[in-house]
C-alpha atoms as a PDB file:
ATOM      1  CA  MET A   1      25.863  13.051  17.227  1.00  0.00           C
ATOM      2  CA  ALA A   2      24.264  14.076  20.484  1.00  0.00           C
ATOM      3  CA  LEU A   3      23.459  10.516  21.504  1.00  0.00           C
ATOM      4  CA  ALA A   4      26.944   9.187  20.807  1.00  0.00           C
ATOM      5  CA  LYS A   5      28.458  11.976  22.903  1.00  0.00           C
ATOM      6  CA  GLY A   6      26.200  11.182  25.850  1.00  0.00           C
ATOM      7  CA  ILE A   7      24.256  14.428  25.706  1.00  0.00           C
ATOM      8  CA  SER A   8      21.124  13.998  27.769  1.00  0.00           C
ATOM      9  CA  ASP A   9      18.993  16.819  26.350  1.00  0.00           C
ATOM     10  CA  PRO A  10      15.602  15.157  25.712  1.00  0.00           C
ATOM     11  CA  LYS A  11      14.508  17.676  23.053  1.00  0.00           C
ATOM     12  CA  LEU A  12      17.755  17.238  21.157  1.00  0.00           C
ATOM     13  CA  ASN A  13      17.547  13.460  21.367  1.00  0.00           C
ATOM     14  CA  VAL A  14      13.951  13.490  20.089  1.00  0.00           C
ATOM     15  CA  ALA A  15      15.094  15.644  17.174  1.00  0.00           C
ATOM     16  CA  VAL A  16      17.976  13.289  16.397  1.00  0.00           C
ATOM     17  CA  PHE A  17      15.793  10.166  16.472  1.00  0.00           C
ATOM     18  CA  GLY A  18      13.097  11.951  14.482  1.00  0.00           C
ATOM     19  CA  ASN A  19      15.558  13.040  11.829  1.00  0.00           C
ATOM     20  CA  MET A  20      16.982   9.529  11.633  1.00  0.00           C
ATOM     21  CA  SER A  21      13.446   8.215  11.165  1.00  0.00           C
ATOM     22  CA  GLN A  22      12.917  10.621   8.271  1.00  0.00           C
ATOM     23  CA  CYS A  23      16.211   9.557   6.698  1.00  0.00           C
ATOM     24  CA  TYR A  24      15.193   5.902   6.854  1.00  0.00           C
ATOM     25  CA  LEU A  25      11.848   6.776   5.238  1.00  0.00           C
ATOM     26  CA  LYS A  26      13.717   8.422   2.358  1.00  0.00           C
ATOM     27  CA  LEU A  27      15.918   5.324   2.056  1.00  0.00           C
ATOM     28  CA  ASN A  28      12.830   3.056   1.952  1.00  0.00           C
ATOM     29  CA  SER A  29      13.966   1.358   5.165  1.00  0.00           C
ATOM     30  CA  PHE A  30      10.543   1.514   6.734  1.00  0.00           C
ATOM     31  CA  SER A  31      11.155  -0.852   9.653  1.00  0.00           C
ATOM     32  CA  LYS A  32      14.187   1.166  10.700  1.00  0.00           C
ATOM     33  CA  ALA A  33      12.148   4.368  10.339  1.00  0.00           C
ATOM     34  CA  ILE A  34       9.623   2.921  12.782  1.00  0.00           C
ATOM     35  CA  GLU A  35      12.391   1.910  15.209  1.00  0.00           C
ATOM     36  CA  GLN A  36      13.847   5.417  15.261  1.00  0.00           C
ATOM     37  CA  ALA A  37      10.433   7.051  15.631  1.00  0.00           C
ATOM     38  CA  GLU A  38       9.684   4.720  18.551  1.00  0.00           C
ATOM     39  CA  LYS A  39      12.935   5.760  20.258  1.00  0.00           C
ATOM     40  CA  ALA A  40      11.880   9.398  19.981  1.00  0.00           C
ATOM     41  CA  LEU A  41       8.360   8.611  21.172  1.00  0.00           C
ATOM     42  CA  LYS A  42       9.745   6.909  24.295  1.00  0.00           C
ATOM     43  CA  ILE A  43      11.066  10.341  25.224  1.00  0.00           C
ATOM     44  CA  ASP A  44       8.094  12.395  23.987  1.00  0.00           C
ATOM     45  CA  ASP A  45       5.033  10.287  23.205  1.00  0.00           C
ATOM     46  CA  THR A  46       3.153  13.228  21.664  1.00  0.00           C
ATOM     47  CA  HIS A  47       5.785  14.309  19.131  1.00  0.00           C
ATOM     48  CA  ALA A  48       3.636  14.840  16.040  1.00  0.00           C
ATOM     49  CA  LYS A  49       6.375  14.501  13.431  1.00  0.00           C
ATOM     50  CA  CYS A  50       7.509  11.164  14.833  1.00  0.00           C
ATOM     51  CA  LEU A  51       3.948   9.877  15.030  1.00  0.00           C
ATOM     52  CA  LEU A  52       3.433  10.971  11.429  1.00  0.00           C
ATOM     53  CA  ARG A  53       6.628   9.286  10.283  1.00  0.00           C
ATOM     54  CA  LYS A  54       5.587   6.111  12.048  1.00  0.00           C
ATOM     55  CA  ALA A  55       2.167   6.242  10.376  1.00  0.00           C
ATOM     56  CA  LYS A  56       3.784   6.691   6.958  1.00  0.00           C
ATOM     57  CA  ALA A  57       6.235   3.848   7.527  1.00  0.00           C
ATOM     58  CA  PHE A  58       3.462   1.443   8.521  1.00  0.00           C
ATOM     59  CA  ALA A  59       1.455   2.430   5.442  1.00  0.00           C
ATOM     60  CA  LEU A  60       4.450   1.916   3.171  1.00  0.00           C
ATOM     61  CA  LEU A  61       4.971  -1.520   4.741  1.00  0.00           C
ATOM     62  CA  GLY A  62       1.365  -2.316   3.870  1.00  0.00           C
ATOM     63  CA  ASP A  63       0.074  -2.240   7.447  1.00  0.00           C
ATOM     64  CA  PHE A  64      -2.767   0.169   6.732  1.00  0.00           C
ATOM     65  CA  LYS A  65      -4.735  -0.685   9.871  1.00  0.00           C
ATOM     66  CA  THR A  66      -1.894   0.377  12.170  1.00  0.00           C
ATOM     67  CA  SER A  67      -1.112   3.382  10.004  1.00  0.00           C
ATOM     68  CA  LEU A  68      -4.723   4.538  10.165  1.00  0.00           C
ATOM     69  CA  LYS A  69      -4.685   4.385  13.965  1.00  0.00           C
ATOM     70  CA  PHE A  70      -1.781   6.833  14.054  1.00  0.00           C
ATOM     71  CA  PHE A  71      -3.375   9.136  11.484  1.00  0.00           C
ATOM     72  CA  GLU A  72      -6.658   9.137  13.419  1.00  0.00           C
ATOM     73  CA  PHE A  73      -4.815   9.908  16.660  1.00  0.00           C
ATOM     74  CA  LEU A  74      -2.961  12.785  15.019  1.00  0.00           C
ATOM     75  CA  LYS A  75      -6.135  14.164  13.479  1.00  0.00           C
ATOM     76  CA  GLY A  76      -7.800  13.989  16.908  1.00  0.00           C
ATOM     77  CA  GLN A  77      -4.914  16.074  18.268  1.00  0.00           C
ATOM     78  CA  GLY A  78      -5.622  18.760  15.665  1.00  0.00           C
ATOM     79  CA  VAL A  79      -2.745  17.852  13.353  1.00  0.00           C
ATOM     80  CA  LYS A  80      -3.591  18.355   9.690  1.00  0.00           C
ATOM     81  CA  VAL A  81      -2.827  15.023   8.052  1.00  0.00           C
ATOM     82  CA  GLU A  82      -4.896  15.217   4.878  1.00  0.00           C
ATOM     83  CA  GLN A  83      -1.991  16.197   2.616  1.00  0.00           C
ATOM     84  CA  ASP A  84       0.183  13.436   4.058  1.00  0.00           C
ATOM     85  CA  ILE A  85      -2.544  10.885   3.399  1.00  0.00           C
ATOM     86  CA  LYS A  86      -2.914  12.095  -0.203  1.00  0.00           C
ATOM     87  CA  GLU A  87       0.843  11.786  -0.720  1.00  0.00           C
ATOM     88  CA  LEU A  88       0.771   8.230   0.629  1.00  0.00           C
ATOM     89  CA  PHE A  89      -2.032   7.220  -1.731  1.00  0.00           C
ATOM     90  CA  PHE A  90       0.104   8.517  -4.607  1.00  0.00           C
ATOM     91  CA  LEU A  91       3.136   6.512  -3.428  1.00  0.00           C
ATOM     92  CA  ILE A  92       1.165   3.321  -2.841  1.00  0.00           C
ATOM     93  CA  GLU A  93      -0.624   3.290  -6.200  1.00  0.00           C
END
């Protein structure tokens, strides 16, 4: 892994943290998904995929207020989030 080998390429590290966040989402480890997304966002605070993964993780933890803030921010940035929101409603029901 890039991080374990001490590679200091910010784009690569954002990708690694982002991918780890997605893996934790798939494993239903939502708190860990948030942690990994936050690590990526410390490097690039506008990374849409990481913001989206963080929004999903908060929603799946039941923190809809926080999740909505991220979705609204993303929508304000021109990111299409409607399909992601529909998928979350399906998962939560």
